[in-house]
Amino acid sequence: MSKNILDSINEGITKDNKSTRATILMEKDGLVLMIYRLRDGHEYYTLPGGGVEGDESVEQAALRELKEETSIMGKIEQKVFDFTDSNRREHQILSCIYISGEPQLSIDSPENIKKSESNIHKPMWVDQKQIPNLTIWPDGTKQLLIKRFSL
């Protein structure tokens, strides 16, 4: 992925001043739960997650974001990755056990409310073997996933 695309994605995300981001890594039958994104002409994938709000714990924020962004229920297992991105936001990635649900945006999620032709969030199961071929945000996540799945 060119640096220009990353810069553009990061520039849009910087508007969210939440410094800690809670992210879910959910695996099921060789698949990983991801969000396909189209934002201002840039296509990429992310793991479900978002900013920690108010006095939420990272775990509470991760489960809230999982439900909002994917309608899937899960149970936190453990923290698997922790890193700081190029915008100095801390990312905590938590492994999560699948309980139930099919990937779709929650009707009242902020992502569903703000969707448009140029702003798409589409949760889906992705074959782990496809990860090396995908554009994944934030920078560093792809390398962590490649290492995690020995790709």
C-alpha atoms as a PDB file:
ATOM      1  CA  MET A   1       0.000   0.000   0.000  1.00  0.00           C
ATOM      2  CA  SER A   2       1.396   3.399  -0.864  1.00  0.00           C
ATOM      3  CA  LYS A   3       2.136   5.865   1.896  1.00  0.00           C
ATOM      4  CA  ASN A   4      -0.318   8.327   0.315  1.00  0.00           C
ATOM      5  CA  ILE A   5      -3.242   5.986   0.899  1.00  0.00           C
ATOM      6  CA  LEU A   6      -2.154   5.362   4.500  1.00  0.00           C
ATOM      7  CA  ASP A   7      -1.760   9.100   5.063  1.00  0.00           C
ATOM      8  CA  SER A   8      -5.238   9.722   3.683  1.00  0.00           C
ATOM      9  CA  ILE A   9      -6.803   7.024   5.875  1.00  0.00           C
ATOM     10  CA  ASN A  10      -4.893   8.248   8.949  1.00  0.00           C
ATOM     11  CA  GLU A  11      -5.885  11.842   8.264  1.00  0.00           C
ATOM     12  CA  GLY A  12      -9.582  10.921   8.353  1.00  0.00           C
ATOM     13  CA  ILE A  13      -9.178   8.797  11.471  1.00  0.00           C
ATOM     14  CA  THR A  14      -7.235  11.503  13.345  1.00  0.00           C
ATOM     15  CA  LYS A  15     -10.491  13.403  13.861  1.00  0.00           C
ATOM     16  CA  ASP A  16     -11.282  10.765  16.512  1.00  0.00           C
ATOM     17  CA  ASN A  17      -9.236  11.978  19.487  1.00  0.00           C
ATOM     18  CA  LYS A  18      -9.663   8.819  21.544  1.00  0.00           C
ATOM     19  CA  SER A  19      -6.103   7.765  22.246  1.00  0.00           C
ATOM     20  CA  THR A  20      -6.764   4.119  23.150  1.00  0.00           C
ATOM     21  CA  ARG A  21      -8.381   1.856  20.597  1.00  0.00           C
ATOM     22  CA  ALA A  22      -9.899  -1.478  21.582  1.00  0.00           C
ATOM     23  CA  THR A  23      -9.781  -4.047  18.788  1.00  0.00           C
ATOM     24  CA  ILE A  24     -11.157  -7.576  18.430  1.00  0.00           C
ATOM     25  CA  LEU A  25      -9.345 -10.493  16.822  1.00  0.00           C
ATOM     26  CA  MET A  26     -11.897 -13.245  16.285  1.00  0.00           C
ATOM     27  CA  GLU A  27     -11.024 -16.482  14.500  1.00  0.00           C
ATOM     28  CA  LYS A  28     -13.422 -19.224  13.421  1.00  0.00           C
ATOM     29  CA  ASP A  29     -12.684 -22.239  11.207  1.00  0.00           C
ATOM     30  CA  GLY A  30      -9.665 -20.675   9.460  1.00  0.00           C
ATOM     31  CA  LEU A  31     -11.443 -17.343   9.032  1.00  0.00           C
ATOM     32  CA  VAL A  32     -10.863 -14.005  10.727  1.00  0.00           C
ATOM     33  CA  LEU A  33     -13.573 -11.408  11.335  1.00  0.00           C
ATOM     34  CA  MET A  34     -12.754  -8.179   9.486  1.00  0.00           C
ATOM     35  CA  ILE A  35     -14.448  -5.007   8.293  1.00  0.00           C
ATOM     36  CA  TYR A  36     -14.187  -4.164   4.596  1.00  0.00           C
ATOM     37  CA  ARG A  37     -13.943  -0.370   4.269  1.00  0.00           C
ATOM     38  CA  LEU A  38     -14.417   2.023   1.423  1.00  0.00           C
ATOM     39  CA  ARG A  39     -13.576   5.526   2.582  1.00  0.00           C
ATOM     40  CA  ASP A  40     -13.122   8.464   0.230  1.00  0.00           C
ATOM     41  CA  GLY A  41     -12.148   6.164  -2.641  1.00  0.00           C
ATOM     42  CA  HIS A  42      -9.722   3.999  -0.607  1.00  0.00           C
ATOM     43  CA  GLU A  43     -10.474   0.306  -0.093  1.00  0.00           C
ATOM     44  CA  TYR A  44      -8.987  -1.488   2.902  1.00  0.00           C
ATOM     45  CA  TYR A  45      -9.762  -3.844   5.778  1.00  0.00           C
ATOM     46  CA  THR A  46      -9.678  -3.403   9.549  1.00  0.00           C
ATOM     47  CA  LEU A  47     -10.356  -5.544  12.558  1.00  0.00           C
ATOM     48  CA  PRO A  48     -13.547  -4.609  14.453  1.00  0.00           C
ATOM     49  CA  GLY A  49     -12.927  -2.025  17.138  1.00  0.00           C
ATOM     50  CA  GLY A  50     -12.835   1.608  18.093  1.00  0.00           C
ATOM     51  CA  GLY A  51     -12.144   4.147  20.782  1.00  0.00           C
ATOM     52  CA  VAL A  52     -12.578   3.562  24.492  1.00  0.00           C
ATOM     53  CA  GLU A  53     -15.356   5.867  25.730  1.00  0.00           C
ATOM     54  CA  GLY A  54     -15.724   7.493  29.147  1.00  0.00           C
ATOM     55  CA  ASP A  55     -14.859   5.109  31.952  1.00  0.00           C
ATOM     56  CA  GLU A  56     -15.147   1.942  29.829  1.00  0.00           C
ATOM     57  CA  SER A  57     -12.458  -0.688  30.175  1.00  0.00           C
ATOM     58  CA  VAL A  58     -10.676  -1.773  27.002  1.00  0.00           C
ATOM     59  CA  GLU A  59     -12.572  -5.074  27.213  1.00  0.00           C
ATOM     60  CA  GLN A  60     -15.966  -3.343  27.509  1.00  0.00           C
ATOM     61  CA  ALA A  61     -15.155  -1.054  24.576  1.00  0.00           C
ATOM     62  CA  ALA A  62     -14.025  -3.994  22.437  1.00  0.00           C
ATOM     63  CA  LEU A  63     -17.248  -5.936  23.058  1.00  0.00           C
ATOM     64  CA  ARG A  64     -19.394  -2.822  22.438  1.00  0.00           C
ATOM     65  CA  GLU A  65     -17.592  -2.178  19.138  1.00  0.00           C
ATOM     66  CA  LEU A  66     -17.879  -5.860  18.163  1.00  0.00           C
ATOM     67  CA  LYS A  67     -21.651  -5.731  18.608  1.00  0.00           C
ATOM     68  CA  GLU A  68     -22.048  -2.331  16.862  1.00  0.00           C
ATOM     69  CA  GLU A  69     -19.818  -3.154  13.893  1.00  0.00           C
ATOM     70  CA  THR A  70     -20.634  -6.835  13.343  1.00  0.00           C
ATOM     71  CA  SER A  71     -23.748  -7.847  15.377  1.00  0.00           C
ATOM     72  CA  ILE A  72     -21.660 -10.783  16.630  1.00  0.00           C
ATOM     73  CA  MET A  73     -21.537 -11.807  20.273  1.00  0.00           C
ATOM     74  CA  GLY A  74     -18.230 -12.913  21.704  1.00  0.00           C
ATOM     75  CA  LYS A  75     -16.289 -13.485  24.893  1.00  0.00           C
ATOM     76  CA  ILE A  76     -12.910 -11.839  25.514  1.00  0.00           C
ATOM     77  CA  GLU A  77     -10.122 -14.373  25.819  1.00  0.00           C
ATOM     78  CA  GLN A  78      -6.895 -12.366  26.266  1.00  0.00           C
ATOM     79  CA  LYS A  79      -4.824  -9.432  24.998  1.00  0.00           C
ATOM     80  CA  VAL A  80      -2.703 -10.656  22.087  1.00  0.00           C
ATOM     81  CA  PHE A  81      -1.134  -7.485  20.667  1.00  0.00           C
ATOM     82  CA  ASP A  82      -0.412  -3.984  21.871  1.00  0.00           C
ATOM     83  CA  PHE A  83       1.134  -1.303  19.653  1.00  0.00           C
ATOM     84  CA  THR A  84       1.184   2.420  18.927  1.00  0.00           C
ATOM     85  CA  ASP A  85       0.366   3.547  15.384  1.00  0.00           C
ATOM     86  CA  SER A  86       1.939   6.356  13.364  1.00  0.00           C
ATOM     87  CA  ASN A  87      -0.549   8.842  14.883  1.00  0.00           C
ATOM     88  CA  ARG A  88       0.519   7.803  18.399  1.00  0.00           C
ATOM     89  CA  ARG A  89      -2.744   6.058  19.213  1.00  0.00           C
ATOM     90  CA  GLU A  90      -2.426   2.986  21.382  1.00  0.00           C
ATOM     91  CA  HIS A  91      -4.076  -0.142  19.981  1.00  0.00           C
ATOM     92  CA  GLN A  92      -4.917  -3.088  22.193  1.00  0.00           C
ATOM     93  CA  ILE A  93      -5.961  -6.165  20.245  1.00  0.00           C
ATOM     94  CA  LEU A  94      -7.914  -8.726  22.224  1.00  0.00           C
ATOM     95  CA  SER A  95      -8.643 -12.270  21.099  1.00  0.00           C
ATOM     96  CA  CYS A  96     -12.305 -13.101  21.369  1.00  0.00           C
ATOM     97  CA  ILE A  97     -14.216 -16.374  21.244  1.00  0.00           C
ATOM     98  CA  TYR A  98     -17.153 -16.480  18.818  1.00  0.00           C
ATOM     99  CA  ILE A  99     -20.495 -17.086  20.545  1.00  0.00           C
ATOM    100  CA  SER A 100     -23.194 -16.247  17.983  1.00  0.00           C
ATOM    101  CA  GLY A 101     -24.356 -14.015  15.162  1.00  0.00           C
ATOM    102  CA  GLU A 102     -23.702 -13.276  11.525  1.00  0.00           C
ATOM    103  CA  PRO A 103     -21.553 -10.343  10.374  1.00  0.00           C
ATOM    104  CA  GLN A 104     -23.684  -7.283   9.692  1.00  0.00           C
ATOM    105  CA  LEU A 105     -23.739  -3.729  10.956  1.00  0.00           C
ATOM    106  CA  SER A 106     -26.029  -3.101  13.898  1.00  0.00           C
ATOM    107  CA  ILE A 107     -28.988  -0.980  12.760  1.00  0.00           C
ATOM    108  CA  ASP A 108     -28.222   1.780  15.281  1.00  0.00           C
ATOM    109  CA  SER A 109     -24.424   1.702  14.963  1.00  0.00           C
ATOM    110  CA  PRO A 110     -22.648   4.973  14.112  1.00  0.00           C
ATOM    111  CA  GLU A 111     -21.134   3.211  11.071  1.00  0.00           C
ATOM    112  CA  ASN A 112     -24.591   2.301   9.744  1.00  0.00           C
ATOM    113  CA  ILE A 113     -25.973   5.775  10.387  1.00  0.00           C
ATOM    114  CA  LYS A 114     -23.037   7.451   8.572  1.00  0.00           C
ATOM    115  CA  LYS A 115     -22.892   5.047   5.597  1.00  0.00           C
ATOM    116  CA  SER A 116     -22.909   6.450   2.082  1.00  0.00           C
ATOM    117  CA  GLU A 117     -21.544   5.599  -1.370  1.00  0.00           C
ATOM    118  CA  SER A 118     -18.122   6.892  -0.280  1.00  0.00           C
ATOM    119  CA  ASN A 119     -18.221   5.531   3.298  1.00  0.00           C
ATOM    120  CA  ILE A 120     -18.874   1.779   3.506  1.00  0.00           C
ATOM    121  CA  HIS A 121     -18.398  -0.607   6.453  1.00  0.00           C
ATOM    122  CA  LYS A 122     -19.034  -4.257   5.611  1.00  0.00           C
ATOM    123  CA  PRO A 123     -18.239  -6.868   8.284  1.00  0.00           C
ATOM    124  CA  MET A 124     -17.257 -10.288   6.931  1.00  0.00           C
ATOM    125  CA  TRP A 125     -15.330 -13.460   7.592  1.00  0.00           C
ATOM    126  CA  VAL A 126     -12.054 -13.467   5.623  1.00  0.00           C
ATOM    127  CA  ASP A 127      -9.902 -16.518   4.917  1.00  0.00           C
ATOM    128  CA  GLN A 128      -6.689 -16.093   6.931  1.00  0.00           C
ATOM    129  CA  LYS A 129      -4.676 -17.097   3.843  1.00  0.00           C
ATOM    130  CA  GLN A 130      -5.891 -13.918   2.093  1.00  0.00           C
ATOM    131  CA  ILE A 131      -4.387 -11.570   4.696  1.00  0.00           C
ATOM    132  CA  PRO A 132      -1.032 -11.094   2.870  1.00  0.00           C
ATOM    133  CA  ASN A 133      -2.972  -9.881  -0.206  1.00  0.00           C
ATOM    134  CA  LEU A 134      -5.142  -7.327   1.618  1.00  0.00           C
ATOM    135  CA  THR A 135      -4.649  -3.661   2.382  1.00  0.00           C
ATOM    136  CA  ILE A 136      -5.129  -3.499   6.165  1.00  0.00           C
ATOM    137  CA  TRP A 137      -5.321  -0.464   8.466  1.00  0.00           C
ATOM    138  CA  PRO A 138      -3.851   0.610  10.809  1.00  0.00           C
ATOM    139  CA  ASP A 139      -0.284   0.237   9.648  1.00  0.00           C
ATOM    140  CA  GLY A 140       1.327  -2.656  11.492  1.00  0.00           C
ATOM    141  CA  THR A 141      -1.835  -4.758  11.833  1.00  0.00           C
ATOM    142  CA  LYS A 142      -1.141  -6.791   8.695  1.00  0.00           C
ATOM    143  CA  GLN A 143       2.324  -7.789   9.915  1.00  0.00           C
ATOM    144  CA  LEU A 144       0.926  -8.784  13.313  1.00  0.00           C
ATOM    145  CA  LEU A 145      -1.737 -10.959  11.651  1.00  0.00           C
ATOM    146  CA  ILE A 146       0.795 -12.581   9.297  1.00  0.00           C
ATOM    147  CA  LYS A 147       2.932 -13.474  12.308  1.00  0.00           C
ATOM    148  CA  ARG A 148      -0.080 -14.663  14.362  1.00  0.00           C
ATOM    149  CA  PHE A 149      -1.269 -17.012  11.593  1.00  0.00           C
ATOM    150  CA  SER A 150       2.246 -18.007  10.391  1.00  0.00           C
ATOM    151  CA  LEU A 151       1.521 -16.817   6.836  1.00  0.00           C
END
